[in-house]
Amino acid sequence: MSDFTGNFLLALLLVVLLRVLYAVSAMLVRTGDGGNIAFGIALPAGLLYIVVRNPVPVSSWAGLVAGAVFGVALWGAIALWRRRRS
């Protein structure tokens, strides 16, 4: 059970980190400055390189998938709530 919970929380954290990374990269690209655009592209590429080179062992795939699905659903629900509110 602790493996499931740990991987569930890991997946939730990864969804949040991907959302923050997307927001930061989008802000950097929108500035129009060449250096910021290059950094906005290099930041996700560098993090992807780190993830591929040093994979984290997953002991409970069910927890990882459940956390990812829950995180994406929560992200979508918040986006829908914000759209209806404004």
PDB file of N, CA and C in Angstrom:
ATOM      1  N   MET A   1       0.822  -1.194   0.000  1.00  0.00           N
ATOM      2  CA  MET A   1       0.000   0.000   0.000  1.00  0.00           C
ATOM      3  C   MET A   1       0.872   1.266   0.000  1.00  0.00           C
ATOM      4  N   SER A   2       1.990   1.232   0.678  1.00  0.00           N
ATOM      5  CA  SER A   2       2.836   2.423   0.722  1.00  0.00           C
ATOM      6  C   SER A   2       3.478   2.695  -0.634  1.00  0.00           C
ATOM      7  N   ASP A   3       3.757   1.631  -1.411  1.00  0.00           N
ATOM      8  CA  ASP A   3       4.283   1.832  -2.763  1.00  0.00           C
ATOM      9  C   ASP A   3       3.254   2.529  -3.638  1.00  0.00           C
ATOM     10  N   PHE A   4       2.000   2.097  -3.521  1.00  0.00           N
ATOM     11  CA  PHE A   4       0.926   2.712  -4.296  1.00  0.00           C
ATOM     12  C   PHE A   4       0.794   4.188  -3.942  1.00  0.00           C
ATOM     13  N   THR A   5       0.773   4.501  -2.660  1.00  0.00           N
ATOM     14  CA  THR A   5       0.627   5.889  -2.212  1.00  0.00           C
ATOM     15  C   THR A   5       1.807   6.740  -2.643  1.00  0.00           C
ATOM     16  N   GLY A   6       3.003   6.210  -2.514  1.00  0.00           N
ATOM     17  CA  GLY A   6       4.191   6.957  -2.914  1.00  0.00           C
ATOM     18  C   GLY A   6       4.203   7.267  -4.400  1.00  0.00           C
ATOM     19  N   ASN A   7       3.866   6.288  -5.232  1.00  0.00           N
ATOM     20  CA  ASN A   7       3.836   6.519  -6.666  1.00  0.00           C
ATOM     21  C   ASN A   7       2.660   7.400  -7.070  1.00  0.00           C
ATOM     22  N   PHE A   8       1.549   7.314  -6.347  1.00  0.00           N
ATOM     23  CA  PHE A   8       0.405   8.202  -6.586  1.00  0.00           C
ATOM     24  C   PHE A   8       0.824   9.651  -6.360  1.00  0.00           C
ATOM     25  N   LEU A   9       1.479   9.916  -5.238  1.00  0.00           N
ATOM     26  CA  LEU A   9       1.928  11.278  -4.938  1.00  0.00           C
ATOM     27  C   LEU A   9       3.022  11.733  -5.904  1.00  0.00           C
ATOM     28  N   LEU A  10       3.888  10.822  -6.326  1.00  0.00           N
ATOM     29  CA  LEU A  10       4.912  11.156  -7.313  1.00  0.00           C
ATOM     30  C   LEU A  10       4.274  11.600  -8.621  1.00  0.00           C
ATOM     31  N   ALA A  11       3.247  10.893  -9.060  1.00  0.00           N
ATOM     32  CA  ALA A  11       2.567  11.265 -10.304  1.00  0.00           C
ATOM     33  C   ALA A  11       1.869  12.611 -10.166  1.00  0.00           C
ATOM     34  N   LEU A  12       1.243  12.870  -9.025  1.00  0.00           N
ATOM     35  CA  LEU A  12       0.618  14.183  -8.807  1.00  0.00           C
ATOM     36  C   LEU A  12       1.662  15.290  -8.866  1.00  0.00           C
ATOM     37  N   LEU A  13       2.798  15.071  -8.260  1.00  0.00           N
ATOM     38  CA  LEU A  13       3.874  16.049  -8.279  1.00  0.00           C
ATOM     39  C   LEU A  13       4.376  16.278  -9.705  1.00  0.00           C
ATOM     40  N   LEU A  14       4.493  15.222 -10.476  1.00  0.00           N
ATOM     41  CA  LEU A  14       4.950  15.355 -11.855  1.00  0.00           C
ATOM     42  C   LEU A  14       3.966  16.152 -12.704  1.00  0.00           C
ATOM     43  N   VAL A  15       2.664  15.955 -12.487  1.00  0.00           N
ATOM     44  CA  VAL A  15       1.661  16.728 -13.226  1.00  0.00           C
ATOM     45  C   VAL A  15       1.789  18.213 -12.882  1.00  0.00           C
ATOM     46  N   VAL A  16       1.964  18.528 -11.621  1.00  0.00           N
ATOM     47  CA  VAL A  16       2.129  19.924 -11.202  1.00  0.00           C
ATOM     48  C   VAL A  16       3.416  20.508 -11.791  1.00  0.00           C
ATOM     49  N   LEU A  17       4.494  19.761 -11.745  1.00  0.00           N
ATOM     50  CA  LEU A  17       5.756  20.251 -12.292  1.00  0.00           C
ATOM     51  C   LEU A  17       5.674  20.481 -13.797  1.00  0.00           C
ATOM     52  N   LEU A  18       4.982  19.597 -14.513  1.00  0.00           N
ATOM     53  CA  LEU A  18       4.811  19.800 -15.954  1.00  0.00           C
ATOM     54  C   LEU A  18       3.992  21.056 -16.246  1.00  0.00           C
ATOM     55  N   ARG A  19       2.973  21.312 -15.441  1.00  0.00           N
ATOM     56  CA  ARG A  19       2.146  22.514 -15.634  1.00  0.00           C
ATOM     57  C   ARG A  19       2.974  23.770 -15.376  1.00  0.00           C
ATOM     58  N   VAL A  20       3.765  23.777 -14.331  1.00  0.00           N
ATOM     59  CA  VAL A  20       4.613  24.927 -14.016  1.00  0.00           C
ATOM     60  C   VAL A  20       5.667  25.121 -15.099  1.00  0.00           C
ATOM     61  N   LEU A  21       6.263  24.028 -15.562  1.00  0.00           N
ATOM     62  CA  LEU A  21       7.263  24.116 -16.624  1.00  0.00           C
ATOM     63  C   LEU A  21       6.649  24.678 -17.896  1.00  0.00           C
ATOM     64  N   TYR A  22       5.441  24.247 -18.231  1.00  0.00           N
ATOM     65  CA  TYR A  22       4.747  24.769 -19.412  1.00  0.00           C
ATOM     66  C   TYR A  22       4.481  26.265 -19.268  1.00  0.00           C
ATOM     67  N   ALA A  23       4.040  26.686 -18.097  1.00  0.00           N
ATOM     68  CA  ALA A  23       3.748  28.104 -17.879  1.00  0.00           C
ATOM     69  C   ALA A  23       5.007  28.964 -17.972  1.00  0.00           C
ATOM     70  N   VAL A  24       6.087  28.514 -17.367  1.00  0.00           N
ATOM     71  CA  VAL A  24       7.340  29.278 -17.402  1.00  0.00           C
ATOM     72  C   VAL A  24       7.884  29.353 -18.826  1.00  0.00           C
ATOM     73  N   SER A  25       7.875  28.236 -19.530  1.00  0.00           N
ATOM     74  CA  SER A  25       8.380  28.230 -20.905  1.00  0.00           C
ATOM     75  C   SER A  25       7.519  29.116 -21.801  1.00  0.00           C
ATOM     76  N   ALA A  26       6.210  29.080 -21.626  1.00  0.00           N
ATOM     77  CA  ALA A  26       5.325  29.924 -22.430  1.00  0.00           C
ATOM     78  C   ALA A  26       5.582  31.402 -22.152  1.00  0.00           C
ATOM     79  N   MET A  27       5.781  31.761 -20.896  1.00  0.00           N
ATOM     80  CA  MET A  27       6.078  33.163 -20.569  1.00  0.00           C
ATOM     81  C   MET A  27       7.393  33.604 -21.197  1.00  0.00           C
ATOM     82  N   LEU A  28       8.392  32.738 -21.165  1.00  0.00           N
ATOM     83  CA  LEU A  28       9.691  33.089 -21.748  1.00  0.00           C
ATOM     84  C   LEU A  28       9.587  33.266 -23.259  1.00  0.00           C
ATOM     85  N   VAL A  29       8.834  32.404 -23.922  1.00  0.00           N
ATOM     86  CA  VAL A  29       8.704  32.505 -25.378  1.00  0.00           C
ATOM     87  C   VAL A  29       7.895  33.737 -25.763  1.00  0.00           C
ATOM     88  N   ARG A  30       6.870  34.092 -24.980  1.00  0.00           N
ATOM     89  CA  ARG A  30       6.027  35.255 -25.291  1.00  0.00           C
ATOM     90  C   ARG A  30       6.760  36.583 -25.187  1.00  0.00           C
ATOM     91  N   THR A  31       7.885  36.633 -24.485  1.00  0.00           N
ATOM     92  CA  THR A  31       8.598  37.893 -24.357  1.00  0.00           C
ATOM     93  C   THR A  31       9.153  38.365 -25.686  1.00  0.00           C
ATOM     94  N   GLY A  32       9.466  37.445 -26.579  1.00  0.00           N
ATOM     95  CA  GLY A  32       9.981  37.811 -27.887  1.00  0.00           C
ATOM     96  C   GLY A  32      11.488  38.015 -27.935  1.00  0.00           C
ATOM     97  N   ASP A  33      12.148  37.971 -26.794  1.00  0.00           N
ATOM     98  CA  ASP A  33      13.599  38.118 -26.753  1.00  0.00           C
ATOM     99  C   ASP A  33      14.253  36.799 -27.150  1.00  0.00           C
ATOM    100  N   GLY A  34      15.283  36.867 -27.972  1.00  0.00           N
ATOM    101  CA  GLY A  34      15.932  35.661 -28.468  1.00  0.00           C
ATOM    102  C   GLY A  34      16.512  34.789 -27.376  1.00  0.00           C
ATOM    103  N   GLY A  35      17.130  35.401 -26.377  1.00  0.00           N
ATOM    104  CA  GLY A  35      17.703  34.633 -25.271  1.00  0.00           C
ATOM    105  C   GLY A  35      16.635  33.935 -24.450  1.00  0.00           C
ATOM    106  N   ASN A  36      15.547  34.627 -24.194  1.00  0.00           N
ATOM    107  CA  ASN A  36      14.454  34.019 -23.434  1.00  0.00           C
ATOM    108  C   ASN A  36      13.804  32.876 -24.215  1.00  0.00           C
ATOM    109  N   ILE A  37      13.673  33.053 -25.530  1.00  0.00           N
ATOM    110  CA  ILE A  37      13.093  31.986 -26.350  1.00  0.00           C
ATOM    111  C   ILE A  37      13.993  30.759 -26.327  1.00  0.00           C
ATOM    112  N   ALA A  38      15.295  30.973 -26.457  1.00  0.00           N
ATOM    113  CA  ALA A  38      16.233  29.848 -26.420  1.00  0.00           C
ATOM    114  C   ALA A  38      16.172  29.135 -25.071  1.00  0.00           C
ATOM    115  N   PHE A  39      16.097  29.902 -23.984  1.00  0.00           N
ATOM    116  CA  PHE A  39      16.020  29.287 -22.661  1.00  0.00           C
ATOM    117  C   PHE A  39      14.680  28.588 -22.470  1.00  0.00           C
ATOM    118  N   GLY A  40      13.606  29.167 -22.991  1.00  0.00           N
ATOM    119  CA  GLY A  40      12.285  28.549 -22.889  1.00  0.00           C
ATOM    120  C   GLY A  40      12.207  27.222 -23.619  1.00  0.00           C
ATOM    121  N   ILE A  41      13.012  27.056 -24.669  1.00  0.00           N
ATOM    122  CA  ILE A  41      13.067  25.787 -25.394  1.00  0.00           C
ATOM    123  C   ILE A  41      14.060  24.833 -24.732  1.00  0.00           C
ATOM    124  N   ALA A  42      15.183  25.365 -24.254  1.00  0.00           N
ATOM    125  CA  ALA A  42      16.231  24.521 -23.667  1.00  0.00           C
ATOM    126  C   ALA A  42      15.837  23.970 -22.297  1.00  0.00           C
ATOM    127  N   LEU A  43      15.022  24.691 -21.544  1.00  0.00           N
ATOM    128  CA  LEU A  43      14.637  24.242 -20.202  1.00  0.00           C
ATOM    129  C   LEU A  43      13.899  22.902 -20.232  1.00  0.00           C
ATOM    130  N   PRO A  44      12.818  22.751 -21.008  1.00  0.00           N
ATOM    131  CA  PRO A  44      12.172  21.428 -21.045  1.00  0.00           C
ATOM    132  C   PRO A  44      13.057  20.360 -21.678  1.00  0.00           C
ATOM    133  N   ALA A  45      13.851  20.743 -22.670  1.00  0.00           N
ATOM    134  CA  ALA A  45      14.739  19.762 -23.307  1.00  0.00           C
ATOM    135  C   ALA A  45      15.783  19.253 -22.314  1.00  0.00           C
ATOM    136  N   GLY A  46      16.332  20.142 -21.511  1.00  0.00           N
ATOM    137  CA  GLY A  46      17.309  19.742 -20.501  1.00  0.00           C
ATOM    138  C   GLY A  46      16.710  18.850 -19.434  1.00  0.00           C
ATOM    139  N   LEU A  47      15.500  19.178 -18.997  1.00  0.00           N
ATOM    140  CA  LEU A  47      14.840  18.344 -17.990  1.00  0.00           C
ATOM    141  C   LEU A  47      14.473  16.978 -18.559  1.00  0.00           C
ATOM    142  N   LEU A  48      14.073  16.931 -19.827  1.00  0.00           N
ATOM    143  CA  LEU A  48      13.787  15.655 -20.461  1.00  0.00           C
ATOM    144  C   LEU A  48      15.053  14.806 -20.552  1.00  0.00           C
ATOM    145  N   TYR A  49      16.176  15.423 -20.844  1.00  0.00           N
ATOM    146  CA  TYR A  49      17.450  14.709 -20.900  1.00  0.00           C
ATOM    147  C   TYR A  49      17.786  14.111 -19.531  1.00  0.00           C
ATOM    148  N   ILE A  50      17.579  14.863 -18.469  1.00  0.00           N
ATOM    149  CA  ILE A  50      17.861  14.371 -17.120  1.00  0.00           C
ATOM    150  C   ILE A  50      16.955  13.187 -16.776  1.00  0.00           C
ATOM    151  N   VAL A  51      15.680  13.274 -17.141  1.00  0.00           N
ATOM    152  CA  VAL A  51      14.739  12.189 -16.836  1.00  0.00           C
ATOM    153  C   VAL A  51      15.095  10.917 -17.600  1.00  0.00           C
ATOM    154  N   VAL A  52      15.516  11.070 -18.844  1.00  0.00           N
ATOM    155  CA  VAL A  52      15.854   9.896 -19.648  1.00  0.00           C
ATOM    156  C   VAL A  52      17.153   9.257 -19.153  1.00  0.00           C
ATOM    157  N   ARG A  53      18.108  10.074 -18.749  1.00  0.00           N
ATOM    158  CA  ARG A  53      19.402   9.537 -18.303  1.00  0.00           C
ATOM    159  C   ARG A  53      19.333   8.902 -16.916  1.00  0.00           C
ATOM    160  N   ASN A  54      18.457   9.381 -16.045  1.00  0.00           N
ATOM    161  CA  ASN A  54      18.360   8.889 -14.661  1.00  0.00           C
ATOM    162  C   ASN A  54      16.920   8.493 -14.343  1.00  0.00           C
ATOM    163  N   PRO A  55      16.435   7.386 -14.885  1.00  0.00           N
ATOM    164  CA  PRO A  55      15.037   7.020 -14.629  1.00  0.00           C
ATOM    165  C   PRO A  55      14.823   6.595 -13.164  1.00  0.00           C
ATOM    166  N   VAL A  56      13.651   6.900 -12.662  1.00  0.00           N
ATOM    167  CA  VAL A  56      13.275   6.518 -11.301  1.00  0.00           C
ATOM    168  C   VAL A  56      12.582   5.160 -11.373  1.00  0.00           C
ATOM    169  N   PRO A  57      13.004   4.187 -10.569  1.00  0.00           N
ATOM    170  CA  PRO A  57      12.326   2.890 -10.602  1.00  0.00           C
ATOM    171  C   PRO A  57      10.908   2.996 -10.036  1.00  0.00           C
ATOM    172  N   VAL A  58       9.973   2.395 -10.732  1.00  0.00           N
ATOM    173  CA  VAL A  58       8.569   2.433 -10.313  1.00  0.00           C
ATOM    174  C   VAL A  58       8.192   1.058  -9.793  1.00  0.00           C
ATOM    175  N   SER A  59       7.762   1.020  -8.536  1.00  0.00           N
ATOM    176  CA  SER A  59       7.401  -0.260  -7.936  1.00  0.00           C
ATOM    177  C   SER A  59       5.902  -0.533  -8.032  1.00  0.00           C
ATOM    178  N   SER A  60       5.101   0.500  -8.234  1.00  0.00           N
ATOM    179  CA  SER A  60       3.649   0.323  -8.347  1.00  0.00           C
ATOM    180  C   SER A  60       3.149   1.151  -9.527  1.00  0.00           C
ATOM    181  N   TRP A  61       3.012   0.489 -10.668  1.00  0.00           N
ATOM    182  CA  TRP A  61       2.528   1.199 -11.858  1.00  0.00           C
ATOM    183  C   TRP A  61       1.081   1.640 -11.688  1.00  0.00           C
ATOM    184  N   ALA A  62       0.315   0.877 -10.918  1.00  0.00           N
ATOM    185  CA  ALA A  62      -1.087   1.249 -10.695  1.00  0.00           C
ATOM    186  C   ALA A  62      -1.167   2.584  -9.963  1.00  0.00           C
ATOM    187  N   GLY A  63      -0.318   2.792  -8.969  1.00  0.00           N
ATOM    188  CA  GLY A  63      -0.312   4.056  -8.242  1.00  0.00           C
ATOM    189  C   GLY A  63       0.136   5.206  -9.114  1.00  0.00           C
ATOM    190  N   LEU A  64       1.125   4.970  -9.963  1.00  0.00           N
ATOM    191  CA  LEU A  64       1.618   6.015 -10.852  1.00  0.00           C
ATOM    192  C   LEU A  64       0.545   6.423 -11.861  1.00  0.00           C
ATOM    193  N   VAL A  65      -0.123   5.438 -12.451  1.00  0.00           N
ATOM    194  CA  VAL A  65      -1.173   5.734 -13.434  1.00  0.00           C
ATOM    195  C   VAL A  65      -2.358   6.417 -12.756  1.00  0.00           C
ATOM    196  N   ALA A  66      -2.757   5.925 -11.593  1.00  0.00           N
ATOM    197  CA  ALA A  66      -3.888   6.534 -10.881  1.00  0.00           C
ATOM    198  C   ALA A  66      -3.575   7.983 -10.504  1.00  0.00           C
ATOM    199  N   GLY A  67      -2.364   8.246 -10.056  1.00  0.00           N
ATOM    200  CA  GLY A  67      -1.987   9.612  -9.703  1.00  0.00           C
ATOM    201  C   GLY A  67      -1.942  10.524 -10.910  1.00  0.00           C
ATOM    202  N   ALA A  68      -1.439  10.013 -12.027  1.00  0.00           N
ATOM    203  CA  ALA A  68      -1.380  10.821 -13.245  1.00  0.00           C
ATOM    204  C   ALA A  68      -2.781  11.138 -13.754  1.00  0.00           C
ATOM    205  N   VAL A  69      -3.652  10.143 -13.758  1.00  0.00           N
ATOM    206  CA  VAL A  69      -5.028  10.365 -14.218  1.00  0.00           C
ATOM    207  C   VAL A  69      -5.744  11.350 -13.293  1.00  0.00           C
ATOM    208  N   PHE A  70      -5.592  11.176 -11.990  1.00  0.00           N
ATOM    209  CA  PHE A  70      -6.220  12.082 -11.038  1.00  0.00           C
ATOM    210  C   PHE A  70      -5.671  13.496 -11.191  1.00  0.00           C
ATOM    211  N   GLY A  71      -4.361  13.634 -11.375  1.00  0.00           N
ATOM    212  CA  GLY A  71      -3.754  14.957 -11.537  1.00  0.00           C
ATOM    213  C   GLY A  71      -4.242  15.668 -12.780  1.00  0.00           C
ATOM    214  N   VAL A  72      -4.320  14.944 -13.898  1.00  0.00           N
ATOM    215  CA  VAL A  72      -4.804  15.550 -15.142  1.00  0.00           C
ATOM    216  C   VAL A  72      -6.284  15.905 -15.017  1.00  0.00           C
ATOM    217  N   ALA A  73      -7.070  15.052 -14.381  1.00  0.00           N
ATOM    218  CA  ALA A  73      -8.486  15.355 -14.177  1.00  0.00           C
ATOM    219  C   ALA A  73      -8.658  16.576 -13.282  1.00  0.00           C
ATOM    220  N   LEU A  74      -7.861  16.683 -12.244  1.00  0.00           N
ATOM    221  CA  LEU A  74      -7.926  17.839 -11.359  1.00  0.00           C
ATOM    222  C   LEU A  74      -7.519  19.107 -12.095  1.00  0.00           C
ATOM    223  N   TRP A  75      -6.477  19.018 -12.906  1.00  0.00           N
ATOM    224  CA  TRP A  75      -6.017  20.143 -13.719  1.00  0.00           C
ATOM    225  C   TRP A  75      -7.135  20.596 -14.668  1.00  0.00           C
ATOM    226  N   GLY A  76      -7.802  19.658 -15.320  1.00  0.00           N
ATOM    227  CA  GLY A  76      -8.909  19.993 -16.219  1.00  0.00           C
ATOM    228  C   GLY A  76     -10.096  20.589 -15.479  1.00  0.00           C
ATOM    229  N   ALA A  77     -10.390  20.059 -14.298  1.00  0.00           N
ATOM    230  CA  ALA A  77     -11.505  20.598 -13.512  1.00  0.00           C
ATOM    231  C   ALA A  77     -11.240  22.032 -13.067  1.00  0.00           C
ATOM    232  N   ILE A  78     -10.018  22.323 -12.689  1.00  0.00           N
ATOM    233  CA  ILE A  78      -9.670  23.688 -12.282  1.00  0.00           C
ATOM    234  C   ILE A  78      -9.757  24.633 -13.474  1.00  0.00           C
ATOM    235  N   ALA A  79      -9.292  24.186 -14.641  1.00  0.00           N
ATOM    236  CA  ALA A  79      -9.371  25.017 -15.845  1.00  0.00           C
ATOM    237  C   ALA A  79     -10.824  25.279 -16.225  1.00  0.00           C
ATOM    238  N   LEU A  80     -11.662  24.261 -16.141  1.00  0.00           N
ATOM    239  CA  LEU A  80     -13.082  24.432 -16.449  1.00  0.00           C
ATOM    240  C   LEU A  80     -13.746  25.359 -15.448  1.00  0.00           C
ATOM    241  N   TRP A  81     -13.418  25.234 -14.187  1.00  0.00           N
ATOM    242  CA  TRP A  81     -13.987  26.094 -13.149  1.00  0.00           C
ATOM    243  C   TRP A  81     -13.601  27.546 -13.386  1.00  0.00           C
ATOM    244  N   ARG A  82     -12.332  27.784 -13.745  1.00  0.00           N
ATOM    245  CA  ARG A  82     -11.893  29.151 -14.012  1.00  0.00           C
ATOM    246  C   ARG A  82     -12.598  29.745 -15.222  1.00  0.00           C
ATOM    247  N   ARG A  83     -12.816  28.927 -16.248  1.00  0.00           N
ATOM    248  CA  ARG A  83     -13.470  29.419 -17.456  1.00  0.00           C
ATOM    249  C   ARG A  83     -14.936  29.775 -17.171  1.00  0.00           C
ATOM    250  N   ARG A  84     -15.607  28.967 -16.378  1.00  0.00           N
ATOM    251  CA  ARG A  84     -17.012  29.259 -16.050  1.00  0.00           C
ATOM    252  C   ARG A  84     -17.135  30.451 -15.123  1.00  0.00           C
ATOM    253  N   ARG A  85     -16.143  30.644 -14.269  1.00  0.00           N
ATOM    254  CA  ARG A  85     -16.187  31.737 -13.303  1.00  0.00           C
ATOM    255  C   ARG A  85     -16.019  33.095 -13.949  1.00  0.00           C
ATOM    256  N   SER A  86     -15.255  33.161 -15.025  1.00  0.00           N
ATOM    257  CA  SER A  86     -15.013  34.466 -15.636  1.00  0.00           C
ATOM    258  C   SER A  86     -15.969  34.796 -16.754  1.00  0.00           C
TER     259      SER A  86
END
